[in-house]
N, C-alpha and C. Protein backbone atom coordinates (compact mmCIF):
# COMPACT_ATOMS: atom_id res chain seq x y z
N MET A 1 98.37 101.71 83.78
CA MET A 1 99.11 102.77 83.11
C MET A 1 98.41 103.14 81.82
N GLU A 2 98.24 104.44 81.53
CA GLU A 2 97.56 104.89 80.34
C GLU A 2 98.56 105.52 79.39
N LEU A 3 98.98 104.75 78.39
CA LEU A 3 99.99 105.23 77.47
C LEU A 3 99.43 106.18 76.43
N HIS A 4 98.08 106.34 76.36
CA HIS A 4 97.54 107.25 75.38
C HIS A 4 98.02 108.67 75.62
N ALA A 5 98.43 108.98 76.86
CA ALA A 5 98.91 110.33 77.17
C ALA A 5 100.17 110.67 76.40
N TRP A 6 100.92 109.65 75.99
CA TRP A 6 102.15 109.89 75.23
C TRP A 6 101.85 110.46 73.86
N ASN A 7 100.61 110.39 73.38
CA ASN A 7 100.30 110.83 72.03
C ASN A 7 100.15 112.33 71.90
N SER A 8 100.12 113.05 73.00
CA SER A 8 99.88 114.48 72.94
C SER A 8 101.17 115.24 72.67
N MET A 9 101.25 115.91 71.53
CA MET A 9 102.42 116.73 71.23
C MET A 9 102.39 118.04 71.99
N ARG A 10 101.20 118.46 72.48
CA ARG A 10 101.10 119.71 73.21
C ARG A 10 101.80 119.63 74.55
N ASN A 11 101.87 118.44 75.09
CA ASN A 11 102.50 118.26 76.39
C ASN A 11 103.70 117.35 76.24
N PRO A 12 104.94 117.91 76.21
CA PRO A 12 106.12 117.08 76.03
C PRO A 12 106.45 116.25 77.25
N CYS A 13 105.76 116.48 78.37
CA CYS A 13 105.99 115.72 79.60
C CYS A 13 104.70 115.06 80.02
N PRO A 14 104.25 114.02 79.29
CA PRO A 14 102.95 113.42 79.56
C PRO A 14 102.90 112.76 80.92
N SER A 15 101.70 112.54 81.40
CA SER A 15 101.49 111.95 82.72
C SER A 15 101.40 110.44 82.59
N ILE A 16 102.45 109.77 83.03
CA ILE A 16 102.49 108.30 82.98
C ILE A 16 102.75 107.82 84.40
N GLN A 17 101.85 107.04 84.93
CA GLN A 17 101.90 106.72 86.33
C GLN A 17 102.54 105.36 86.59
N PHE A 18 103.85 105.32 86.52
CA PHE A 18 104.56 104.13 87.00
C PHE A 18 106.00 104.52 87.28
N ASN A 19 106.63 103.80 88.19
CA ASN A 19 108.00 104.11 88.56
C ASN A 19 108.94 103.80 87.40
N MET A 20 109.95 104.68 87.19
CA MET A 20 110.83 104.52 86.05
C MET A 20 111.51 103.17 86.02
N TYR A 21 111.85 102.64 87.16
CA TYR A 21 112.60 101.40 87.20
C TYR A 21 111.72 100.18 86.99
N ASP A 22 110.40 100.40 86.85
CA ASP A 22 109.51 99.32 86.47
C ASP A 22 109.43 99.15 84.97
N TYR A 23 110.12 100.01 84.21
CA TYR A 23 110.01 99.94 82.76
C TYR A 23 110.39 98.56 82.24
N ARG A 24 111.42 97.97 82.84
CA ARG A 24 111.87 96.67 82.34
C ARG A 24 110.81 95.59 82.51
N ASN A 25 109.80 95.86 83.36
CA ASN A 25 108.74 94.86 83.59
C ASN A 25 107.51 95.09 82.71
N LEU A 26 107.55 96.08 81.83
CA LEU A 26 106.40 96.31 80.96
C LEU A 26 106.22 95.15 79.98
N SER A 27 104.98 94.94 79.60
CA SER A 27 104.70 93.91 78.62
C SER A 27 105.22 94.34 77.26
N PRO A 28 105.46 93.38 76.35
CA PRO A 28 105.88 93.74 74.99
C PRO A 28 104.91 94.70 74.31
N GLN A 29 103.60 94.55 74.56
CA GLN A 29 102.61 95.43 73.95
C GLN A 29 102.80 96.86 74.44
N MET A 30 103.03 97.04 75.73
CA MET A 30 103.23 98.38 76.28
C MET A 30 104.50 99.01 75.72
N ARG A 31 105.56 98.21 75.62
CA ARG A 31 106.81 98.74 75.06
C ARG A 31 106.61 99.15 73.61
N ASN A 32 105.86 98.36 72.87
CA ASN A 32 105.58 98.70 71.48
C ASN A 32 104.80 100.01 71.38
N GLU A 33 103.88 100.24 72.32
CA GLU A 33 103.11 101.48 72.31
C GLU A 33 104.03 102.68 72.53
N VAL A 34 105.00 102.53 73.43
CA VAL A 34 105.97 103.61 73.66
C VAL A 34 106.74 103.90 72.38
N LEU A 35 107.23 102.87 71.72
CA LEU A 35 108.02 103.05 70.51
C LEU A 35 107.17 103.61 69.38
N GLU A 36 105.91 103.20 69.29
CA GLU A 36 105.03 103.74 68.26
C GLU A 36 104.79 105.23 68.47
N TRP A 37 104.65 105.63 69.73
CA TRP A 37 104.50 107.06 70.03
C TRP A 37 105.71 107.83 69.52
N ARG A 38 106.88 107.29 69.75
CA ARG A 38 108.11 107.97 69.34
C ARG A 38 108.14 108.12 67.82
N LYS A 39 107.76 107.06 67.10
CA LYS A 39 107.79 107.13 65.63
C LYS A 39 106.75 108.11 65.10
N ARG A 40 105.56 108.10 65.69
CA ARG A 40 104.51 109.00 65.22
C ARG A 40 104.89 110.45 65.42
N ASN A 41 105.64 110.73 66.48
CA ASN A 41 105.99 112.11 66.78
C ASN A 41 107.33 112.53 66.19
N GLY A 42 107.89 111.68 65.35
CA GLY A 42 109.01 112.07 64.51
C GLY A 42 110.26 112.51 65.25
N LEU A 43 110.68 111.76 66.25
CA LEU A 43 111.91 112.13 66.93
C LEU A 43 113.05 112.18 65.92
N PRO A 44 113.87 113.22 65.99
CA PRO A 44 114.88 113.43 64.94
C PRO A 44 116.00 112.41 65.01
N TRP A 45 116.31 111.86 63.88
CA TRP A 45 117.44 110.94 63.79
C TRP A 45 117.97 111.00 62.38
N HIS A 46 119.29 111.12 62.22
CA HIS A 46 119.91 111.20 60.90
C HIS A 46 120.73 109.95 60.66
N SER A 47 120.54 109.33 59.52
CA SER A 47 121.28 108.14 59.18
C SER A 47 122.76 108.46 59.07
N PRO A 48 123.63 107.64 59.67
CA PRO A 48 125.06 107.90 59.57
C PRO A 48 125.65 107.57 58.22
N ALA A 49 124.88 106.99 57.30
CA ALA A 49 125.36 106.70 55.93
C ALA A 49 126.73 106.02 55.96
N HIS A 50 126.73 104.81 56.43
CA HIS A 50 127.95 104.05 56.66
C HIS A 50 128.91 104.12 55.48
N GLY A 51 130.13 104.60 55.74
CA GLY A 51 131.18 104.65 54.73
C GLY A 51 131.07 105.78 53.74
N GLN A 52 130.13 106.71 53.95
CA GLN A 52 129.89 107.77 52.97
C GLN A 52 129.86 109.16 53.59
N MET A 53 130.56 109.37 54.68
CA MET A 53 130.49 110.67 55.32
C MET A 53 131.86 111.08 55.85
N GLY A 54 132.05 112.40 55.96
CA GLY A 54 133.26 112.91 56.60
C GLY A 54 133.06 112.96 58.10
N PHE A 55 134.08 113.33 58.82
CA PHE A 55 133.99 113.26 60.28
C PHE A 55 134.41 114.56 60.96
N SER A 56 134.37 115.67 60.21
CA SER A 56 134.64 116.96 60.84
C SER A 56 133.40 117.45 61.56
N ASP A 57 133.60 118.20 62.63
CA ASP A 57 132.51 118.84 63.37
C ASP A 57 131.55 117.85 64.01
N LYS A 58 132.02 116.66 64.32
CA LYS A 58 131.16 115.68 65.00
C LYS A 58 131.68 115.46 66.42
N TYR A 59 130.76 115.35 67.36
CA TYR A 59 131.13 115.30 68.77
C TYR A 59 130.22 114.35 69.53
N LEU A 60 130.79 113.74 70.56
CA LEU A 60 130.00 113.03 71.55
C LEU A 60 129.86 113.95 72.75
N VAL A 61 128.66 114.40 73.01
CA VAL A 61 128.39 115.31 74.13
C VAL A 61 127.77 114.50 75.26
N THR A 62 128.33 114.65 76.45
CA THR A 62 127.85 113.93 77.62
C THR A 62 127.62 114.92 78.75
N ALA A 63 126.55 114.74 79.49
CA ALA A 63 126.28 115.55 80.67
C ALA A 63 125.81 114.65 81.79
N ALA A 64 126.21 115.00 83.01
CA ALA A 64 125.91 114.16 84.17
C ALA A 64 125.25 114.96 85.27
N CYS A 65 124.43 114.29 86.04
CA CYS A 65 123.84 114.89 87.23
C CYS A 65 124.87 114.96 88.35
N PHE A 66 124.72 115.94 89.20
CA PHE A 66 125.62 116.14 90.33
C PHE A 66 125.60 114.93 91.25
N GLU A 67 126.80 114.46 91.59
CA GLU A 67 126.99 113.30 92.47
C GLU A 67 126.28 112.05 91.95
N HIS A 68 126.10 111.99 90.64
CA HIS A 68 125.47 110.82 89.98
C HIS A 68 124.06 110.55 90.47
N LYS A 69 123.42 111.55 91.07
CA LYS A 69 122.05 111.35 91.53
C LYS A 69 121.10 111.29 90.35
N ARG A 70 120.01 110.55 90.50
CA ARG A 70 119.12 110.27 89.38
C ARG A 70 118.02 111.32 89.26
N HIS A 71 118.44 112.56 89.07
CA HIS A 71 117.48 113.64 88.96
C HIS A 71 116.66 113.54 87.69
N ILE A 72 117.26 113.06 86.61
CA ILE A 72 116.52 112.90 85.35
C ILE A 72 115.51 111.77 85.49
N GLY A 73 115.92 110.70 86.13
CA GLY A 73 115.12 109.47 86.17
C GLY A 73 114.15 109.38 87.30
N ILE A 74 113.74 110.50 87.84
CA ILE A 74 112.79 110.45 88.96
C ILE A 74 111.44 109.91 88.51
N SER A 75 111.14 110.03 87.23
CA SER A 75 109.86 109.52 86.69
C SER A 75 109.98 109.41 85.18
N PRO A 76 109.13 108.60 84.55
CA PRO A 76 109.09 108.55 83.09
C PRO A 76 108.72 109.90 82.49
N ASP A 77 107.86 110.66 83.19
CA ASP A 77 107.50 111.99 82.71
C ASP A 77 108.76 112.82 82.48
N ARG A 78 109.62 112.82 83.48
CA ARG A 78 110.82 113.65 83.39
C ARG A 78 111.80 113.11 82.36
N MET A 79 111.93 111.80 82.27
CA MET A 79 112.80 111.23 81.25
C MET A 79 112.34 111.67 79.87
N ASN A 80 111.04 111.58 79.63
CA ASN A 80 110.50 111.95 78.33
C ASN A 80 110.67 113.44 78.07
N CYS A 81 110.41 114.24 79.08
CA CYS A 81 110.56 115.69 78.96
C CYS A 81 112.01 116.06 78.67
N CYS A 82 112.95 115.44 79.37
CA CYS A 82 114.37 115.72 79.16
C CYS A 82 114.78 115.36 77.75
N GLU A 83 114.35 114.19 77.28
CA GLU A 83 114.71 113.75 75.93
C GLU A 83 114.18 114.74 74.89
N LYS A 84 112.90 115.08 74.99
CA LYS A 84 112.32 115.96 73.99
C LYS A 84 112.95 117.35 74.05
N THR A 85 113.22 117.85 75.25
CA THR A 85 113.84 119.17 75.38
C THR A 85 115.21 119.20 74.74
N LEU A 86 116.02 118.17 74.97
CA LEU A 86 117.36 118.12 74.40
C LEU A 86 117.32 118.01 72.88
N LEU A 87 116.43 117.18 72.36
CA LEU A 87 116.36 117.01 70.91
C LEU A 87 115.81 118.27 70.23
N ASP A 88 114.86 118.92 70.87
CA ASP A 88 114.36 120.19 70.33
C ASP A 88 115.48 121.23 70.31
N PHE A 89 116.28 121.24 71.36
CA PHE A 89 117.40 122.18 71.43
C PHE A 89 118.38 121.93 70.28
N CYS A 90 118.70 120.67 70.02
CA CYS A 90 119.61 120.34 68.93
C CYS A 90 119.04 120.80 67.59
N LEU A 91 117.76 120.57 67.38
CA LEU A 91 117.11 120.99 66.14
C LEU A 91 117.15 122.51 65.98
N GLU A 92 116.83 123.22 67.04
CA GLU A 92 116.82 124.67 66.98
C GLU A 92 118.22 125.22 66.74
N PHE A 93 119.22 124.53 67.24
CA PHE A 93 120.61 124.96 67.05
C PHE A 93 121.13 124.59 65.67
N GLY A 94 120.41 123.72 64.98
CA GLY A 94 120.84 123.27 63.66
C GLY A 94 121.82 122.13 63.68
N SER A 95 121.86 121.39 64.77
CA SER A 95 122.78 120.26 64.91
C SER A 95 122.10 118.97 64.50
N GLU A 96 122.76 118.19 63.65
CA GLU A 96 122.25 116.87 63.32
C GLU A 96 122.52 115.92 64.49
N VAL A 97 121.56 115.07 64.75
CA VAL A 97 121.68 114.10 65.85
C VAL A 97 121.78 112.71 65.25
N PHE A 98 122.90 112.04 65.48
CA PHE A 98 123.11 110.70 64.94
C PHE A 98 122.72 109.60 65.94
N ALA A 99 122.85 109.90 67.22
CA ALA A 99 122.47 108.94 68.26
C ALA A 99 122.29 109.68 69.57
N TRP A 100 121.40 109.16 70.40
CA TRP A 100 121.23 109.73 71.73
C TRP A 100 120.77 108.66 72.69
N CYS A 101 121.00 108.92 73.96
CA CYS A 101 120.54 108.03 75.02
C CYS A 101 120.39 108.86 76.29
N ILE A 102 119.22 108.79 76.89
CA ILE A 102 118.95 109.49 78.14
C ILE A 102 118.85 108.44 79.24
N LEU A 103 119.68 108.55 80.26
CA LEU A 103 119.65 107.64 81.40
C LEU A 103 119.27 108.41 82.66
N PRO A 104 118.99 107.74 83.77
CA PRO A 104 118.50 108.43 84.96
C PRO A 104 119.43 109.50 85.50
N ASN A 105 120.75 109.36 85.30
CA ASN A 105 121.67 110.34 85.88
C ASN A 105 122.64 110.96 84.87
N HIS A 106 122.49 110.66 83.59
CA HIS A 106 123.32 111.30 82.58
C HIS A 106 122.75 111.04 81.19
N TYR A 107 123.32 111.70 80.21
CA TYR A 107 122.88 111.45 78.84
C TYR A 107 124.06 111.59 77.88
N HIS A 108 123.88 111.03 76.69
CA HIS A 108 124.86 111.13 75.61
C HIS A 108 124.16 111.58 74.33
N LEU A 109 124.81 112.47 73.59
CA LEU A 109 124.35 112.91 72.28
C LEU A 109 125.51 112.80 71.30
N LEU A 110 125.31 112.12 70.20
CA LEU A 110 126.30 112.07 69.13
C LEU A 110 125.79 113.00 68.03
N ILE A 111 126.48 114.12 67.83
CA ILE A 111 125.94 115.17 66.98
C ILE A 111 126.98 115.70 66.00
N GLN A 112 126.50 116.43 65.00
CA GLN A 112 127.36 117.25 64.16
C GLN A 112 127.06 118.70 64.50
N CYS A 113 128.10 119.47 64.77
CA CYS A 113 127.91 120.85 65.20
C CYS A 113 129.14 121.66 64.82
N ALA A 114 128.95 122.71 64.03
CA ALA A 114 130.07 123.53 63.59
C ALA A 114 130.54 124.49 64.67
N LEU A 115 129.68 124.78 65.64
CA LEU A 115 130.00 125.76 66.69
C LEU A 115 129.84 125.10 68.05
N ILE A 116 130.72 124.16 68.35
CA ILE A 116 130.53 123.35 69.55
C ILE A 116 130.65 124.17 70.83
N LYS A 117 131.54 125.17 70.87
CA LYS A 117 131.67 125.97 72.08
C LYS A 117 130.39 126.76 72.35
N THR A 118 129.80 127.30 71.30
CA THR A 118 128.54 128.03 71.46
C THR A 118 127.43 127.07 71.84
N PHE A 119 127.42 125.90 71.23
CA PHE A 119 126.44 124.86 71.56
C PHE A 119 126.50 124.55 73.05
N CYS A 120 127.69 124.31 73.56
CA CYS A 120 127.84 123.94 74.97
C CYS A 120 127.47 125.10 75.90
N LYS A 121 127.75 126.32 75.46
CA LYS A 121 127.37 127.49 76.26
C LYS A 121 125.86 127.54 76.45
N TYR A 122 125.12 127.38 75.35
CA TYR A 122 123.67 127.44 75.44
C TYR A 122 123.08 126.17 76.05
N LEU A 123 123.78 125.06 75.91
CA LEU A 123 123.36 123.84 76.60
C LEU A 123 123.42 124.05 78.11
N GLY A 124 124.44 124.76 78.57
CA GLY A 124 124.54 125.08 79.99
C GLY A 124 123.37 125.93 80.47
N LYS A 125 122.95 126.88 79.63
CA LYS A 125 121.78 127.69 79.98
C LYS A 125 120.52 126.83 80.03
N LEU A 126 120.43 125.87 79.10
CA LEU A 126 119.29 124.95 79.11
C LEU A 126 119.29 124.12 80.39
N HIS A 127 120.46 123.65 80.80
CA HIS A 127 120.55 122.91 82.06
C HIS A 127 120.04 123.76 83.22
N GLY A 128 120.37 125.05 83.20
CA GLY A 128 119.91 125.94 84.26
C GLY A 128 118.39 126.03 84.31
N ARG A 129 117.77 126.12 83.14
CA ARG A 129 116.30 126.18 83.11
C ARG A 129 115.69 124.88 83.59
N LEU A 130 116.28 123.75 83.16
CA LEU A 130 115.77 122.46 83.63
C LEU A 130 115.95 122.31 85.14
N SER A 131 117.07 122.77 85.66
CA SER A 131 117.31 122.70 87.11
C SER A 131 116.24 123.46 87.88
N ARG A 132 115.94 124.67 87.44
CA ARG A 132 114.93 125.46 88.13
C ARG A 132 113.56 124.80 88.05
N GLN A 133 113.23 124.25 86.88
CA GLN A 133 111.95 123.58 86.71
C GLN A 133 111.85 122.36 87.62
N TRP A 134 112.89 121.52 87.61
CA TRP A 134 112.84 120.29 88.40
C TRP A 134 112.90 120.57 89.90
N ASN A 135 113.68 121.56 90.29
CA ASN A 135 113.75 121.90 91.71
C ASN A 135 112.40 122.42 92.22
N LYS A 136 111.69 123.14 91.36
CA LYS A 136 110.36 123.59 91.74
C LYS A 136 109.40 122.41 91.86
N GLU A 137 109.49 121.49 90.90
CA GLU A 137 108.62 120.31 90.93
C GLU A 137 108.89 119.46 92.16
N ASP A 138 110.18 119.37 92.57
CA ASP A 138 110.57 118.49 93.67
C ASP A 138 110.62 119.22 95.01
N ASP A 139 110.28 120.52 94.99
CA ASP A 139 110.34 121.33 96.20
C ASP A 139 111.74 121.29 96.82
N GLU A 140 112.75 121.49 95.96
CA GLU A 140 114.15 121.47 96.39
C GLU A 140 114.84 122.75 95.90
N PRO A 141 114.48 123.91 96.43
CA PRO A 141 115.08 125.16 95.95
C PRO A 141 116.59 125.20 96.16
N GLY A 142 117.31 125.62 95.12
CA GLY A 142 118.76 125.77 95.24
C GLY A 142 119.56 124.48 95.07
N ARG A 143 118.90 123.38 94.88
CA ARG A 143 119.61 122.10 94.72
C ARG A 143 120.46 122.12 93.45
N LYS A 144 121.66 121.59 93.54
CA LYS A 144 122.52 121.48 92.37
C LYS A 144 122.15 120.21 91.61
N VAL A 145 121.70 120.37 90.38
CA VAL A 145 121.21 119.24 89.60
C VAL A 145 122.29 118.67 88.69
N TRP A 146 123.00 119.54 87.98
CA TRP A 146 123.98 119.10 86.99
C TRP A 146 125.39 119.27 87.53
N TYR A 147 126.24 118.33 87.19
CA TYR A 147 127.66 118.43 87.54
C TYR A 147 128.44 119.13 86.43
N ARG A 148 128.39 118.59 85.24
CA ARG A 148 129.14 119.17 84.14
C ARG A 148 128.68 118.52 82.83
N SER A 149 129.05 119.17 81.74
CA SER A 149 128.91 118.54 80.42
C SER A 149 130.25 118.66 79.72
N PHE A 150 130.53 117.74 78.84
CA PHE A 150 131.79 117.81 78.09
C PHE A 150 131.58 117.20 76.72
N ASP A 151 132.45 117.56 75.80
CA ASP A 151 132.34 117.08 74.43
C ASP A 151 133.66 116.43 74.02
N ARG A 152 133.53 115.38 73.23
CA ARG A 152 134.71 114.70 72.67
C ARG A 152 134.61 114.74 71.15
N GLU A 153 135.63 115.29 70.52
CA GLU A 153 135.62 115.39 69.07
C GLU A 153 135.80 114.02 68.44
N ILE A 154 135.01 113.73 67.44
CA ILE A 154 135.13 112.46 66.72
C ILE A 154 136.28 112.58 65.72
N ARG A 155 137.21 111.65 65.78
CA ARG A 155 138.46 111.79 65.04
C ARG A 155 138.54 110.94 63.78
N SER A 156 137.66 109.95 63.66
CA SER A 156 137.76 109.03 62.53
C SER A 156 136.46 108.26 62.36
N GLU A 157 136.38 107.51 61.27
CA GLU A 157 135.23 106.64 61.06
C GLU A 157 135.10 105.63 62.18
N ARG A 158 136.22 105.03 62.56
CA ARG A 158 136.18 104.03 63.63
C ARG A 158 135.69 104.65 64.92
N HIS A 159 136.18 105.84 65.23
CA HIS A 159 135.75 106.53 66.45
C HIS A 159 134.25 106.84 66.40
N PHE A 160 133.76 107.26 65.24
CA PHE A 160 132.34 107.59 65.09
C PHE A 160 131.45 106.38 65.35
N TYR A 161 131.74 105.27 64.69
CA TYR A 161 130.87 104.11 64.81
C TYR A 161 131.01 103.41 66.16
N ALA A 162 132.20 103.48 66.75
CA ALA A 162 132.34 102.97 68.12
C ALA A 162 131.52 103.82 69.07
N SER A 163 131.49 105.14 68.84
CA SER A 163 130.68 106.04 69.67
C SER A 163 129.21 105.77 69.49
N LEU A 164 128.79 105.56 68.26
CA LEU A 164 127.38 105.26 67.99
C LEU A 164 126.97 103.96 68.69
N ASN A 165 127.80 102.93 68.59
CA ASN A 165 127.50 101.67 69.29
C ASN A 165 127.48 101.88 70.80
N TYR A 166 128.41 102.69 71.27
CA TYR A 166 128.50 102.95 72.71
C TYR A 166 127.23 103.62 73.23
N VAL A 167 126.75 104.63 72.52
CA VAL A 167 125.55 105.34 72.95
C VAL A 167 124.36 104.39 73.00
N HIS A 168 124.19 103.60 71.96
CA HIS A 168 123.03 102.70 71.92
C HIS A 168 123.15 101.56 72.93
N HIS A 169 124.37 101.19 73.26
CA HIS A 169 124.58 100.08 74.20
C HIS A 169 124.54 100.54 75.66
N ASN A 170 124.51 101.83 75.88
CA ASN A 170 124.66 102.36 77.24
C ASN A 170 123.62 101.84 78.24
N PRO A 171 122.33 101.76 77.91
CA PRO A 171 121.37 101.21 78.88
C PRO A 171 121.65 99.75 79.24
N VAL A 172 122.18 98.99 78.28
CA VAL A 172 122.56 97.59 78.56
C VAL A 172 123.81 97.58 79.44
N HIS A 173 124.76 98.43 79.10
CA HIS A 173 126.00 98.52 79.88
C HIS A 173 125.71 98.82 81.35
N HIS A 174 124.74 99.69 81.60
CA HIS A 174 124.39 100.06 82.98
C HIS A 174 123.31 99.17 83.58
N LYS A 175 122.97 98.09 82.85
CA LYS A 175 122.11 97.03 83.36
C LYS A 175 120.66 97.49 83.64
N TYR A 176 120.20 98.46 82.88
CA TYR A 176 118.79 98.83 82.97
C TYR A 176 117.92 97.88 82.17
N VAL A 177 118.44 97.41 81.05
CA VAL A 177 117.70 96.50 80.17
C VAL A 177 118.69 95.48 79.61
N GLU A 178 118.15 94.47 78.92
CA GLU A 178 119.00 93.44 78.33
C GLU A 178 119.21 93.64 76.84
N SER A 179 118.42 94.51 76.23
CA SER A 179 118.50 94.72 74.79
C SER A 179 118.39 96.20 74.49
N TRP A 180 119.07 96.66 73.44
CA TRP A 180 119.00 98.07 73.02
C TRP A 180 117.56 98.55 72.91
N VAL A 181 116.73 97.76 72.22
CA VAL A 181 115.38 98.23 71.90
C VAL A 181 114.45 98.22 73.10
N ASP A 182 114.89 97.68 74.23
CA ASP A 182 114.06 97.67 75.43
C ASP A 182 114.07 99.02 76.15
N TRP A 183 114.97 99.91 75.77
CA TRP A 183 115.06 101.21 76.44
C TRP A 183 114.44 102.29 75.55
N PRO A 184 113.37 102.94 76.00
CA PRO A 184 112.66 103.85 75.10
C PRO A 184 113.31 105.21 74.90
N TRP A 185 114.21 105.62 75.82
CA TRP A 185 114.78 106.97 75.74
C TRP A 185 116.13 106.94 75.03
N SER A 186 116.09 106.46 73.81
CA SER A 186 117.29 106.25 73.02
C SER A 186 116.90 106.20 71.55
N SER A 187 117.87 106.43 70.68
CA SER A 187 117.63 106.34 69.24
C SER A 187 117.83 104.92 68.71
N ALA A 188 118.10 103.96 69.57
CA ALA A 188 118.47 102.62 69.12
C ALA A 188 117.39 101.97 68.25
N ALA A 189 116.14 102.05 68.67
CA ALA A 189 115.07 101.40 67.91
C ALA A 189 114.91 102.05 66.54
N ILE A 190 115.03 103.37 66.48
CA ILE A 190 114.93 104.08 65.20
C ILE A 190 116.10 103.70 64.31
N TYR A 191 117.28 103.64 64.90
CA TYR A 191 118.50 103.26 64.16
C TYR A 191 118.35 101.86 63.55
N LEU A 192 117.89 100.91 64.34
CA LEU A 192 117.73 99.55 63.84
C LEU A 192 116.68 99.47 62.74
N GLU A 193 115.63 100.25 62.89
CA GLU A 193 114.58 100.26 61.87
C GLU A 193 115.11 100.85 60.55
N LYS A 194 115.92 101.88 60.64
CA LYS A 194 116.39 102.57 59.45
C LYS A 194 117.49 101.81 58.72
N VAL A 195 118.49 101.31 59.45
CA VAL A 195 119.62 100.67 58.78
C VAL A 195 119.42 99.16 58.62
N GLY A 196 118.52 98.58 59.42
CA GLY A 196 118.30 97.14 59.38
C GLY A 196 119.20 96.42 60.36
N ARG A 197 118.68 95.34 60.90
CA ARG A 197 119.43 94.60 61.93
C ARG A 197 120.73 94.02 61.38
N GLU A 198 120.71 93.54 60.14
CA GLU A 198 121.92 92.96 59.57
C GLU A 198 123.05 93.99 59.48
N GLU A 199 122.73 95.18 59.00
CA GLU A 199 123.75 96.24 58.90
C GLU A 199 124.20 96.69 60.28
N ALA A 200 123.27 96.81 61.22
CA ALA A 200 123.62 97.21 62.58
C ALA A 200 124.55 96.20 63.23
N GLU A 201 124.27 94.90 63.02
CA GLU A 201 125.14 93.87 63.58
C GLU A 201 126.52 93.90 62.95
N LYS A 202 126.58 94.21 61.64
CA LYS A 202 127.86 94.34 60.96
C LYS A 202 128.67 95.49 61.55
N ILE A 203 128.01 96.64 61.79
CA ILE A 203 128.70 97.79 62.38
C ILE A 203 129.15 97.48 63.80
N TRP A 204 128.34 96.72 64.54
CA TRP A 204 128.71 96.33 65.91
C TRP A 204 129.97 95.47 65.89
N ARG A 205 130.06 94.55 64.94
CA ARG A 205 131.24 93.68 64.86
C ARG A 205 132.48 94.44 64.38
N GLU A 206 132.29 95.34 63.42
CA GLU A 206 133.42 96.05 62.83
C GLU A 206 133.99 97.12 63.76
N TYR A 207 133.14 97.65 64.64
CA TYR A 207 133.58 98.74 65.52
C TYR A 207 133.25 98.40 66.97
N PRO A 208 133.96 97.43 67.53
CA PRO A 208 133.67 96.99 68.91
C PRO A 208 134.02 98.06 69.93
N LEU A 209 133.42 97.94 71.11
CA LEU A 209 133.62 98.94 72.15
C LEU A 209 134.93 98.79 72.88
N PHE A 210 135.38 97.55 73.09
CA PHE A 210 136.55 97.29 73.92
C PHE A 210 136.36 98.01 75.26
N ASP A 211 137.27 98.95 75.61
CA ASP A 211 137.18 99.67 76.88
C ASP A 211 136.61 101.07 76.70
N TYR A 212 135.86 101.28 75.64
CA TYR A 212 135.30 102.61 75.37
C TYR A 212 134.51 103.11 76.58
N GLY A 213 134.86 104.31 77.05
CA GLY A 213 134.16 104.93 78.16
C GLY A 213 134.56 104.44 79.53
N LYS A 214 135.54 103.54 79.59
CA LYS A 214 135.89 102.92 80.88
C LYS A 214 136.31 103.95 81.93
N LYS A 215 137.06 104.96 81.51
CA LYS A 215 137.61 105.92 82.48
C LYS A 215 136.70 107.12 82.73
N TRP A 216 135.66 107.29 81.90
CA TRP A 216 134.86 108.49 82.07
C TRP A 216 133.36 108.28 82.05
N ASP A 217 132.89 107.08 81.70
CA ASP A 217 131.44 106.89 81.68
C ASP A 217 130.91 106.98 83.10
N LEU A 218 129.65 107.40 83.21
CA LEU A 218 129.12 107.80 84.51
C LEU A 218 128.19 106.77 85.10
């Protein structure tokens, strides 16, 4: 596998030749190279400033593939392309991104957005463009890729930090990896680097998940 391809900003969907589900078998050095690429290319992440922020206009946005099929996770190329496309969209819309996680059949974004209905409208258009692109790549014309997207308004500090923990814990919850930082398509590694492991562990203890997402996680 040649991870140097990840360094090209001109191509948001670099050519990486290994099956997505082999990621958990990568060596620590290879995983570090993936994370270094992410840091060098400045993936957007905003510190939640624990205990110092209001909670208006904040939402957990989730979107799922139709019938839970792993259309996003068909390859690392597509996972990376999906992540970068979504984060670029958030930046262009002017939405702050506090946490994100891209999984093979769905994704979560914890964002601040003053115009959530407009955001979701244009997110739907983005899904349409991605569907056409992926269907062309997979030679599946007319295939339904996305099922739906929905947003949940953040109601309190507790809700915000439980959501943040939930997003970062999602790859572990779905048994793709054993540790947050083992999954490259997430803000978890950046979050831990910025706030520090001690603070992150404190937030994890103070805002436990309990049954968060039990009735609707995909």
